[in-house]
Amino acid sequence: GGGGSNYPLRNLAVQLLALAILALHRARVFGFIASAPRALL
């Protein structure tokens, strides 16, 4: 992820991995929504 917009496929690989982690940790995401400070959310 250190190449910026000139390397879209590499950035896409990082983003797809992030989406997979979001899908696998849905409970933690909902926990963040429920407990995070309102200003931050």
PDB file of all heavy atoms in Angstrom:
ATOM      1  N   GLY A   1       0.772  -1.244   0.000  1.00  0.00           N
ATOM      2  CA  GLY A   1       0.000   0.000   0.000  1.00  0.00           C
ATOM      3  C   GLY A   1       0.793   1.278   0.000  1.00  0.00           C
ATOM      4  O   GLY A   1       0.228   2.355   0.227  1.00  0.00           O
ATOM      5  N   GLY A   2       2.099   1.217  -0.281  1.00  0.00           N
ATOM      6  CA  GLY A   2       2.912   2.427  -0.212  1.00  0.00           C
ATOM      7  C   GLY A   2       3.150   3.112  -1.536  1.00  0.00           C
ATOM      8  O   GLY A   2       3.933   4.059  -1.609  1.00  0.00           O
ATOM      9  N   GLY A   3       2.471   2.678  -2.574  1.00  0.00           N
ATOM     10  CA  GLY A   3       2.725   3.250  -3.892  1.00  0.00           C
ATOM     11  C   GLY A   3       1.737   4.307  -4.337  1.00  0.00           C
ATOM     12  O   GLY A   3       1.918   4.941  -5.373  1.00  0.00           O
ATOM     13  N   GLY A   4       0.652   4.497  -3.564  1.00  0.00           N
ATOM     14  CA  GLY A   4      -0.332   5.502  -3.937  1.00  0.00           C
ATOM     15  C   GLY A   4      -1.193   5.079  -5.106  1.00  0.00           C
ATOM     16  O   GLY A   4      -1.286   3.889  -5.453  1.00  0.00           O
ATOM     17  N   SER A   5      -1.800   6.058  -5.756  1.00  0.00           N
ATOM     18  CA  SER A   5      -2.776   5.792  -6.811  1.00  0.00           C
ATOM     19  C   SER A   5      -2.151   5.233  -8.085  1.00  0.00           C
ATOM     20  O   SER A   5      -2.869   4.768  -8.975  1.00  0.00           O
ATOM     21  CB  SER A   5      -3.542   7.077  -7.147  1.00  0.00           C
ATOM     22  OG  SER A   5      -2.641   8.100  -7.573  1.00  0.00           O
ATOM     23  N   ASN A   6      -0.825   5.262  -8.187  1.00  0.00           N
ATOM     24  CA  ASN A   6      -0.173   4.719  -9.385  1.00  0.00           C
ATOM     25  C   ASN A   6      -0.163   3.195  -9.409  1.00  0.00           C
ATOM     26  O   ASN A   6       0.218   2.599 -10.417  1.00  0.00           O
ATOM     27  CB  ASN A   6       1.269   5.226  -9.471  1.00  0.00           C
ATOM     28  CG  ASN A   6       1.350   6.700  -9.794  1.00  0.00           C
ATOM     29  OD1 ASN A   6       0.446   7.256 -10.429  1.00  0.00           O
ATOM     30  ND2 ASN A   6       2.403   7.354  -9.360  1.00  0.00           N
ATOM     31  N   TYR A   7      -0.578   2.570  -8.306  1.00  0.00           N
ATOM     32  CA  TYR A   7      -0.565   1.109  -8.213  1.00  0.00           C
ATOM     33  C   TYR A   7      -1.931   0.614  -7.742  1.00  0.00           C
ATOM     34  O   TYR A   7      -2.080   0.125  -6.621  1.00  0.00           O
ATOM     35  CB  TYR A   7       0.548   0.653  -7.272  1.00  0.00           C
ATOM     36  CG  TYR A   7       1.917   1.093  -7.741  1.00  0.00           C
ATOM     37  CD1 TYR A   7       2.437   2.333  -7.373  1.00  0.00           C
ATOM     38  CD2 TYR A   7       2.658   0.298  -8.589  1.00  0.00           C
ATOM     39  CE1 TYR A   7       3.679   2.744  -7.831  1.00  0.00           C
ATOM     40  CE2 TYR A   7       3.908   0.695  -9.052  1.00  0.00           C
ATOM     41  CZ  TYR A   7       4.404   1.932  -8.673  1.00  0.00           C
ATOM     42  OH  TYR A   7       5.633   2.341  -9.128  1.00  0.00           O
ATOM     43  N   PRO A   8      -2.947   0.767  -8.588  1.00  0.00           N
ATOM     44  CA  PRO A   8      -4.318   0.452  -8.171  1.00  0.00           C
ATOM     45  C   PRO A   8      -4.546  -1.011  -7.815  1.00  0.00           C
ATOM     46  O   PRO A   8      -5.314  -1.317  -6.908  1.00  0.00           O
ATOM     47  CB  PRO A   8      -5.163   0.881  -9.375  1.00  0.00           C
ATOM     48  CG  PRO A   8      -4.222   0.839 -10.544  1.00  0.00           C
ATOM     49  CD  PRO A   8      -2.897   1.239  -9.989  1.00  0.00           C
ATOM     50  N   LEU A   9      -3.907  -1.937  -8.536  1.00  0.00           N
ATOM     51  CA  LEU A   9      -4.138  -3.351  -8.257  1.00  0.00           C
ATOM     52  C   LEU A   9      -3.604  -3.742  -6.892  1.00  0.00           C
ATOM     53  O   LEU A   9      -4.205  -4.554  -6.177  1.00  0.00           O
ATOM     54  CB  LEU A   9      -3.499  -4.209  -9.351  1.00  0.00           C
ATOM     55  CG  LEU A   9      -4.141  -4.099 -10.743  1.00  0.00           C
ATOM     56  CD1 LEU A   9      -3.437  -5.006 -11.737  1.00  0.00           C
ATOM     57  CD2 LEU A   9      -5.625  -4.435 -10.675  1.00  0.00           C
ATOM     58  N   ARG A  10      -2.478  -3.188  -6.501  1.00  0.00           N
ATOM     59  CA  ARG A  10      -1.935  -3.470  -5.167  1.00  0.00           C
ATOM     60  C   ARG A  10      -2.850  -2.898  -4.086  1.00  0.00           C
ATOM     61  O   ARG A  10      -3.108  -3.545  -3.069  1.00  0.00           O
ATOM     62  CB  ARG A  10      -0.528  -2.896  -5.039  1.00  0.00           C
ATOM     63  CG  ARG A  10       0.444  -3.436  -6.089  1.00  0.00           C
ATOM     64  CD  ARG A  10       1.866  -3.007  -5.787  1.00  0.00           C
ATOM     65  NE  ARG A  10       2.751  -3.282  -6.916  1.00  0.00           N
ATOM     66  CZ  ARG A  10       4.076  -3.179  -6.867  1.00  0.00           C
ATOM     67  NH1 ARG A  10       4.672  -2.818  -5.737  1.00  0.00           N
ATOM     68  NH2 ARG A  10       4.810  -3.436  -7.932  1.00  0.00           N
ATOM     69  N   ASN A  11      -3.330  -1.689  -4.322  1.00  0.00           N
ATOM     70  CA  ASN A  11      -4.271  -1.099  -3.368  1.00  0.00           C
ATOM     71  C   ASN A  11      -5.543  -1.935  -3.279  1.00  0.00           C
ATOM     72  O   ASN A  11      -6.106  -2.124  -2.188  1.00  0.00           O
ATOM     73  CB  ASN A  11      -4.613   0.334  -3.782  1.00  0.00           C
ATOM     74  CG  ASN A  11      -3.431   1.280  -3.629  1.00  0.00           C
ATOM     75  OD1 ASN A  11      -2.541   1.041  -2.814  1.00  0.00           O
ATOM     76  ND2 ASN A  11      -3.420   2.336  -4.403  1.00  0.00           N
ATOM     77  N   LEU A  12      -5.993  -2.426  -4.418  1.00  0.00           N
ATOM     78  CA  LEU A  12      -7.201  -3.245  -4.440  1.00  0.00           C
ATOM     79  C   LEU A  12      -7.006  -4.515  -3.621  1.00  0.00           C
ATOM     80  O   LEU A  12      -7.917  -4.954  -2.904  1.00  0.00           O
ATOM     81  CB  LEU A  12      -7.568  -3.597  -5.883  1.00  0.00           C
ATOM     82  CG  LEU A  12      -8.798  -4.495  -6.068  1.00  0.00           C
ATOM     83  CD1 LEU A  12     -10.050  -3.823  -5.521  1.00  0.00           C
ATOM     84  CD2 LEU A  12      -8.977  -4.846  -7.552  1.00  0.00           C
ATOM     85  N   ALA A  13      -5.828  -5.114  -3.700  1.00  0.00           N
ATOM     86  CA  ALA A  13      -5.559  -6.328  -2.928  1.00  0.00           C
ATOM     87  C   ALA A  13      -5.670  -6.048  -1.427  1.00  0.00           C
ATOM     88  O   ALA A  13      -6.244  -6.851  -0.671  1.00  0.00           O
ATOM     89  CB  ALA A  13      -4.169  -6.864  -3.263  1.00  0.00           C
ATOM     90  N   VAL A  14      -5.148  -4.908  -0.990  1.00  0.00           N
ATOM     91  CA  VAL A  14      -5.241  -4.533   0.429  1.00  0.00           C
ATOM     92  C   VAL A  14      -6.696  -4.313   0.823  1.00  0.00           C
ATOM     93  O   VAL A  14      -7.148  -4.755   1.889  1.00  0.00           O
ATOM     94  CB  VAL A  14      -4.403  -3.271   0.706  1.00  0.00           C
ATOM     95  CG1 VAL A  14      -4.496  -2.882   2.179  1.00  0.00           C
ATOM     96  CG2 VAL A  14      -2.948  -3.491   0.318  1.00  0.00           C
ATOM     97  N   GLN A  15      -7.447  -3.656  -0.046  1.00  0.00           N
ATOM     98  CA  GLN A  15      -8.839  -3.350   0.261  1.00  0.00           C
ATOM     99  C   GLN A  15      -9.698  -4.606   0.297  1.00  0.00           C
ATOM    100  O   GLN A  15     -10.596  -4.729   1.138  1.00  0.00           O
ATOM    101  CB  GLN A  15      -9.371  -2.341  -0.763  1.00  0.00           C
ATOM    102  CG  GLN A  15      -8.714  -0.982  -0.667  1.00  0.00           C
ATOM    103  CD  GLN A  15      -8.856  -0.151  -1.931  1.00  0.00           C
ATOM    104  OE1 GLN A  15      -9.689  -0.448  -2.793  1.00  0.00           O
ATOM    105  NE2 GLN A  15      -8.040   0.880  -2.057  1.00  0.00           N
ATOM    106  N   LEU A  16      -9.450  -5.541  -0.599  1.00  0.00           N
ATOM    107  CA  LEU A  16     -10.217  -6.795  -0.591  1.00  0.00           C
ATOM    108  C   LEU A  16      -9.936  -7.594   0.674  1.00  0.00           C
ATOM    109  O   LEU A  16     -10.840  -8.209   1.250  1.00  0.00           O
ATOM    110  CB  LEU A  16      -9.866  -7.622  -1.833  1.00  0.00           C
ATOM    111  CG  LEU A  16     -10.375  -7.071  -3.174  1.00  0.00           C
ATOM    112  CD1 LEU A  16      -9.885  -7.942  -4.326  1.00  0.00           C
ATOM    113  CD2 LEU A  16     -11.899  -6.991  -3.182  1.00  0.00           C
ATOM    114  N   LEU A  17      -8.679  -7.586   1.118  1.00  0.00           N
ATOM    115  CA  LEU A  17      -8.349  -8.255   2.376  1.00  0.00           C
ATOM    116  C   LEU A  17      -9.073  -7.582   3.540  1.00  0.00           C
ATOM    117  O   LEU A  17      -9.583  -8.265   4.435  1.00  0.00           O
ATOM    118  CB  LEU A  17      -6.837  -8.232   2.597  1.00  0.00           C
ATOM    119  CG  LEU A  17      -6.339  -8.863   3.905  1.00  0.00           C
ATOM    120  CD1 LEU A  17      -6.764 -10.325   4.011  1.00  0.00           C
ATOM    121  CD2 LEU A  17      -4.816  -8.736   4.002  1.00  0.00           C
ATOM    122  N   ALA A  18      -9.142  -6.256   3.522  1.00  0.00           N
ATOM    123  CA  ALA A  18      -9.854  -5.528   4.578  1.00  0.00           C
ATOM    124  C   ALA A  18     -11.342  -5.886   4.585  1.00  0.00           C
ATOM    125  O   ALA A  18     -11.939  -6.080   5.652  1.00  0.00           O
ATOM    126  CB  ALA A  18      -9.674  -4.026   4.385  1.00  0.00           C
ATOM    127  N   LEU A  19     -11.938  -5.999   3.402  1.00  0.00           N
ATOM    128  CA  LEU A  19     -13.351  -6.382   3.326  1.00  0.00           C
ATOM    129  C   LEU A  19     -13.564  -7.787   3.878  1.00  0.00           C
ATOM    130  O   LEU A  19     -14.569  -8.052   4.567  1.00  0.00           O
ATOM    131  CB  LEU A  19     -13.831  -6.299   1.883  1.00  0.00           C
ATOM    132  CG  LEU A  19     -14.018  -4.891   1.304  1.00  0.00           C
ATOM    133  CD1 LEU A  19     -14.338  -4.959  -0.186  1.00  0.00           C
ATOM    134  CD2 LEU A  19     -15.139  -4.159   2.049  1.00  0.00           C
ATOM    135  N   ALA A  20     -12.633  -8.697   3.577  1.00  0.00           N
ATOM    136  CA  ALA A  20     -12.745 -10.056   4.108  1.00  0.00           C
ATOM    137  C   ALA A  20     -12.664 -10.055   5.630  1.00  0.00           C
ATOM    138  O   ALA A  20     -13.411 -10.781   6.309  1.00  0.00           O
ATOM    139  CB  ALA A  20     -11.642 -10.929   3.513  1.00  0.00           C
ATOM    140  N   ILE A  21     -11.787  -9.240   6.186  1.00  0.00           N
ATOM    141  CA  ILE A  21     -11.664  -9.156   7.649  1.00  0.00           C
ATOM    142  C   ILE A  21     -12.930  -8.563   8.250  1.00  0.00           C
ATOM    143  O   ILE A  21     -13.400  -9.019   9.304  1.00  0.00           O
ATOM    144  CB  ILE A  21     -10.427  -8.314   8.013  1.00  0.00           C
ATOM    145  CG1 ILE A  21      -9.165  -9.080   7.614  1.00  0.00           C
ATOM    146  CG2 ILE A  21     -10.404  -7.990   9.502  1.00  0.00           C
ATOM    147  CD1 ILE A  21      -7.884  -8.297   7.807  1.00  0.00           C
ATOM    148  N   LEU A  22     -13.503  -7.566   7.590  1.00  0.00           N
ATOM    149  CA  LEU A  22     -14.775  -7.010   8.066  1.00  0.00           C
ATOM    150  C   LEU A  22     -15.861  -8.073   8.101  1.00  0.00           C
ATOM    151  O   LEU A  22     -16.642  -8.151   9.050  1.00  0.00           O
ATOM    152  CB  LEU A  22     -15.205  -5.844   7.170  1.00  0.00           C
ATOM    153  CG  LEU A  22     -14.570  -4.480   7.413  1.00  0.00           C
ATOM    154  CD1 LEU A  22     -15.068  -3.486   6.376  1.00  0.00           C
ATOM    155  CD2 LEU A  22     -14.880  -3.965   8.812  1.00  0.00           C
ATOM    156  N   ALA A  23     -15.914  -8.890   7.053  1.00  0.00           N
ATOM    157  CA  ALA A  23     -16.939  -9.933   6.983  1.00  0.00           C
ATOM    158  C   ALA A  23     -16.734 -10.989   8.069  1.00  0.00           C
ATOM    159  O   ALA A  23     -17.702 -11.496   8.640  1.00  0.00           O
ATOM    160  CB  ALA A  23     -16.922 -10.583   5.599  1.00  0.00           C
ATOM    161  N   LEU A  24     -15.475 -11.301   8.376  1.00  0.00           N
ATOM    162  CA  LEU A  24     -15.182 -12.329   9.370  1.00  0.00           C
ATOM    163  C   LEU A  24     -15.349 -11.827  10.808  1.00  0.00           C
ATOM    164  O   LEU A  24     -15.504 -12.637  11.726  1.00  0.00           O
ATOM    165  CB  LEU A  24     -13.752 -12.855   9.171  1.00  0.00           C
ATOM    166  CG  LEU A  24     -13.501 -13.664   7.896  1.00  0.00           C
ATOM    167  CD1 LEU A  24     -12.019 -13.972   7.749  1.00  0.00           C
ATOM    168  CD2 LEU A  24     -14.317 -14.954   7.912  1.00  0.00           C
ATOM    169  N   HIS A  25     -15.308 -10.531  10.981  1.00  0.00           N
ATOM    170  CA  HIS A  25     -15.381  -9.966  12.336  1.00  0.00           C
ATOM    171  C   HIS A  25     -16.568  -9.008  12.453  1.00  0.00           C
ATOM    172  O   HIS A  25     -16.441  -7.906  12.987  1.00  0.00           O
ATOM    173  CB  HIS A  25     -14.077  -9.243  12.670  1.00  0.00           C
ATOM    174  CG  HIS A  25     -12.878 -10.144  12.729  1.00  0.00           C
ATOM    175  ND1 HIS A  25     -12.569 -10.905  13.835  1.00  0.00           N
ATOM    176  CD2 HIS A  25     -11.922 -10.425  11.797  1.00  0.00           C
ATOM    177  CE1 HIS A  25     -11.460 -11.605  13.605  1.00  0.00           C
ATOM    178  NE2 HIS A  25     -11.061 -11.338  12.377  1.00  0.00           N
ATOM    179  N   ARG A  26     -17.705  -9.454  11.957  1.00  0.00           N
ATOM    180  CA  ARG A  26     -18.903  -8.608  12.003  1.00  0.00           C
ATOM    181  C   ARG A  26     -19.261  -8.227  13.431  1.00  0.00           C
ATOM    182  O   ARG A  26     -19.715  -7.116  13.701  1.00  0.00           O
ATOM    183  CB  ARG A  26     -20.078  -9.324  11.340  1.00  0.00           C
ATOM    184  CG  ARG A  26     -19.901  -9.592   9.856  1.00  0.00           C
ATOM    185  CD  ARG A  26     -21.171 -10.163   9.253  1.00  0.00           C
ATOM    186  NE  ARG A  26     -21.534 -11.433   9.893  1.00  0.00           N
ATOM    187  CZ  ARG A  26     -21.069 -12.614   9.536  1.00  0.00           C
ATOM    188  NH1 ARG A  26     -20.181 -12.699   8.556  1.00  0.00           N
ATOM    189  NH2 ARG A  26     -21.469 -13.720  10.142  1.00  0.00           N
ATOM    190  N   ALA A  27     -19.079  -9.169  14.363  1.00  0.00           N
ATOM    191  CA  ALA A  27     -19.438  -8.896  15.756  1.00  0.00           C
ATOM    192  C   ALA A  27     -18.618  -7.738  16.325  1.00  0.00           C
ATOM    193  O   ALA A  27     -19.143  -6.901  17.063  1.00  0.00           O
ATOM    194  CB  ALA A  27     -19.242 -10.154  16.606  1.00  0.00           C
ATOM    195  N   ARG A  28     -17.337  -7.698  15.993  1.00  0.00           N
ATOM    196  CA  ARG A  28     -16.490  -6.607  16.476  1.00  0.00           C
ATOM    197  C   ARG A  28     -16.912  -5.275  15.861  1.00  0.00           C
ATOM    198  O   ARG A  28     -16.864  -4.232  16.519  1.00  0.00           O
ATOM    199  CB  ARG A  28     -15.019  -6.891  16.145  1.00  0.00           C
ATOM    200  CG  ARG A  28     -14.414  -8.029  16.961  1.00  0.00           C
ATOM    201  CD  ARG A  28     -12.904  -8.106  16.751  1.00  0.00           C
ATOM    202  NE  ARG A  28     -12.307  -9.163  17.535  1.00  0.00           N
ATOM    203  CZ  ARG A  28     -11.951  -9.055  18.813  1.00  0.00           C
ATOM    204  NH1 ARG A  28     -12.137  -7.899  19.440  1.00  0.00           N
ATOM    205  NH2 ARG A  28     -11.399 -10.068  19.454  1.00  0.00           N
ATOM    206  N   VAL A  29     -17.318  -5.300  14.590  1.00  0.00           N
ATOM    207  CA  VAL A  29     -17.771  -4.066  13.935  1.00  0.00           C
ATOM    208  C   VAL A  29     -19.027  -3.543  14.625  1.00  0.00           C
ATOM    209  O   VAL A  29     -19.130  -2.339  14.928  1.00  0.00           O
ATOM    210  CB  VAL A  29     -18.036  -4.314  12.441  1.00  0.00           C
ATOM    211  CG1 VAL A  29     -18.619  -3.056  11.794  1.00  0.00           C
ATOM    212  CG2 VAL A  29     -16.753  -4.738  11.737  1.00  0.00           C
ATOM    213  N   PHE A  30     -19.982  -4.435  14.901  1.00  0.00           N
ATOM    214  CA  PHE A  30     -21.197  -4.005  15.593  1.00  0.00           C
ATOM    215  C   PHE A  30     -20.883  -3.555  17.015  1.00  0.00           C
ATOM    216  O   PHE A  30     -21.529  -2.637  17.545  1.00  0.00           O
ATOM    217  CB  PHE A  30     -22.223  -5.141  15.600  1.00  0.00           C
ATOM    218  CG  PHE A  30     -22.811  -5.425  14.253  1.00  0.00           C
ATOM    219  CD1 PHE A  30     -22.793  -6.706  13.715  1.00  0.00           C
ATOM    220  CD2 PHE A  30     -23.384  -4.412  13.505  1.00  0.00           C
ATOM    221  CE1 PHE A  30     -23.330  -6.968  12.469  1.00  0.00           C
ATOM    222  CE2 PHE A  30     -23.935  -4.660  12.259  1.00  0.00           C
ATOM    223  CZ  PHE A  30     -23.904  -5.943  11.738  1.00  0.00           C
ATOM    224  N   GLY A  31     -19.887  -4.189  17.634  1.00  0.00           N
ATOM    225  CA  GLY A  31     -19.462  -3.756  18.959  1.00  0.00           C
ATOM    226  C   GLY A  31     -18.890  -2.360  18.942  1.00  0.00           C
ATOM    227  O   GLY A  31     -19.131  -1.557  19.850  1.00  0.00           O
ATOM    228  N   PHE A  32     -18.123  -2.049  17.886  1.00  0.00           N
ATOM    229  CA  PHE A  32     -17.587  -0.695  17.744  1.00  0.00           C
ATOM    230  C   PHE A  32     -18.715   0.321  17.572  1.00  0.00           C
ATOM    231  O   PHE A  32     -18.701   1.393  18.187  1.00  0.00           O
ATOM    232  CB  PHE A  32     -16.641  -0.648  16.544  1.00  0.00           C
ATOM    233  CG  PHE A  32     -16.233   0.743  16.131  1.00  0.00           C
ATOM    234  CD1 PHE A  32     -15.344   1.468  16.896  1.00  0.00           C
ATOM    235  CD2 PHE A  32     -16.752   1.313  14.969  1.00  0.00           C
ATOM    236  CE1 PHE A  32     -14.962   2.751  16.516  1.00  0.00           C
ATOM    237  CE2 PHE A  32     -16.378   2.586  14.587  1.00  0.00           C
ATOM    238  CZ  PHE A  32     -15.489   3.306  15.362  1.00  0.00           C
ATOM    239  N   ILE A  33     -19.694  -0.016  16.744  1.00  0.00           N
ATOM    240  CA  ILE A  33     -20.816   0.900  16.518  1.00  0.00           C
ATOM    241  C   ILE A  33     -21.585   1.151  17.811  1.00  0.00           C
ATOM    242  O   ILE A  33     -22.022   2.270  18.092  1.00  0.00           O
ATOM    243  CB  ILE A  33     -21.753   0.327  15.429  1.00  0.00           C
ATOM    244  CG1 ILE A  33     -21.019   0.258  14.084  1.00  0.00           C
ATOM    245  CG2 ILE A  33     -23.025   1.153  15.310  1.00  0.00           C
ATOM    246  CD1 ILE A  33     -21.803  -0.436  12.996  1.00  0.00           C
ATOM    247  N   ALA A  34     -21.699   0.108  18.625  1.00  0.00           N
ATOM    248  CA  ALA A  34     -22.476   0.242  19.860  1.00  0.00           C
ATOM    249  C   ALA A  34     -21.720   0.975  20.956  1.00  0.00           C
ATOM    250  O   ALA A  34     -22.335   1.702  21.754  1.00  0.00           O
ATOM    251  CB  ALA A  34     -22.880  -1.145  20.361  1.00  0.00           C
ATOM    252  N   SER A  35     -20.389   0.819  21.012  1.00  0.00           N
ATOM    253  CA  SER A  35     -19.648   1.342  22.161  1.00  0.00           C
ATOM    254  C   SER A  35     -18.757   2.542  21.857  1.00  0.00           C
ATOM    255  O   SER A  35     -18.271   3.190  22.783  1.00  0.00           O
ATOM    256  CB  SER A  35     -18.774   0.229  22.752  1.00  0.00           C
ATOM    257  OG  SER A  35     -17.822  -0.229  21.788  1.00  0.00           O
ATOM    258  N   ALA A  36     -18.533   2.839  20.600  1.00  0.00           N
ATOM    259  CA  ALA A  36     -17.630   3.943  20.262  1.00  0.00           C
ATOM    260  C   ALA A  36     -18.221   5.273  20.689  1.00  0.00           C
ATOM    261  O   ALA A  36     -19.446   5.442  20.734  1.00  0.00           O
ATOM    262  CB  ALA A  36     -17.366   3.952  18.760  1.00  0.00           C
ATOM    263  N   PRO A  37     -17.389   6.239  21.054  1.00  0.00           N
ATOM    264  CA  PRO A  37     -17.892   7.578  21.354  1.00  0.00           C
ATOM    265  C   PRO A  37     -18.671   8.125  20.165  1.00  0.00           C
ATOM    266  O   PRO A  37     -18.262   7.931  19.015  1.00  0.00           O
ATOM    267  CB  PRO A  37     -16.639   8.400  21.617  1.00  0.00           C
ATOM    268  CG  PRO A  37     -15.495   7.492  21.522  1.00  0.00           C
ATOM    269  CD  PRO A  37     -15.949   6.135  21.111  1.00  0.00           C
ATOM    270  N   ARG A  38     -19.764   8.790  20.444  1.00  0.00           N
ATOM    271  CA  ARG A  38     -20.628   9.265  19.355  1.00  0.00           C
ATOM    272  C   ARG A  38     -19.893  10.215  18.410  1.00  0.00           C
ATOM    273  O   ARG A  38     -20.106  10.182  17.189  1.00  0.00           O
ATOM    274  CB  ARG A  38     -21.858   9.969  19.935  1.00  0.00           C
ATOM    275  CG  ARG A  38     -22.769   9.065  20.765  1.00  0.00           C
ATOM    276  CD  ARG A  38     -23.298   7.887  19.957  1.00  0.00           C
ATOM    277  NE  ARG A  38     -22.471   6.675  20.127  1.00  0.00           N
ATOM    278  CZ  ARG A  38     -22.722   5.532  19.529  1.00  0.00           C
ATOM    279  NH1 ARG A  38     -23.745   5.437  18.685  1.00  0.00           N
ATOM    280  NH2 ARG A  38     -21.947   4.487  19.722  1.00  0.00           N
ATOM    281  N   ALA A  39     -19.022  11.070  18.971  1.00  0.00           N
ATOM    282  CA  ALA A  39     -18.304  12.010  18.106  1.00  0.00           C
ATOM    283  C   ALA A  39     -17.426  11.272  17.114  1.00  0.00           C
ATOM    284  O   ALA A  39     -17.389  11.603  15.927  1.00  0.00           O
ATOM    285  CB  ALA A  39     -17.469  12.964  18.954  1.00  0.00           C
ATOM    286  N   LEU A  40     -16.713  10.255  17.590  1.00  0.00           N
ATOM    287  CA  LEU A  40     -15.858   9.471  16.698  1.00  0.00           C
ATOM    288  C   LEU A  40     -16.687   8.741  15.663  1.00  0.00           C
ATOM    289  O   LEU A  40     -16.334   8.705  14.475  1.00  0.00           O
ATOM    290  CB  LEU A  40     -15.037   8.481  17.523  1.00  0.00           C
ATOM    291  CG  LEU A  40     -14.193   7.492  16.709  1.00  0.00           C
ATOM    292  CD1 LEU A  40     -13.160   8.222  15.861  1.00  0.00           C
ATOM    293  CD2 LEU A  40     -13.517   6.481  17.622  1.00  0.00           C
ATOM    294  N   LEU A  41     -17.791   8.149  16.088  1.00  0.00           N
ATOM    295  CA  LEU A  41     -18.635   7.395  15.163  1.00  0.00           C
ATOM    296  C   LEU A  41     -19.180   8.299  14.063  1.00  0.00           C
ATOM    297  O   LEU A  41     -19.184   7.933  12.879  1.00  0.00           O
ATOM    298  CB  LEU A  41     -19.781   6.728  15.931  1.00  0.00           C
ATOM    299  CG  LEU A  41     -20.596   5.693  15.155  1.00  0.00           C
ATOM    300  CD1 LEU A  41     -19.714   4.562  14.663  1.00  0.00           C
ATOM    301  CD2 LEU A  41     -21.721   5.157  16.023  1.00  0.00           C
TER     302      LEU A  41
END
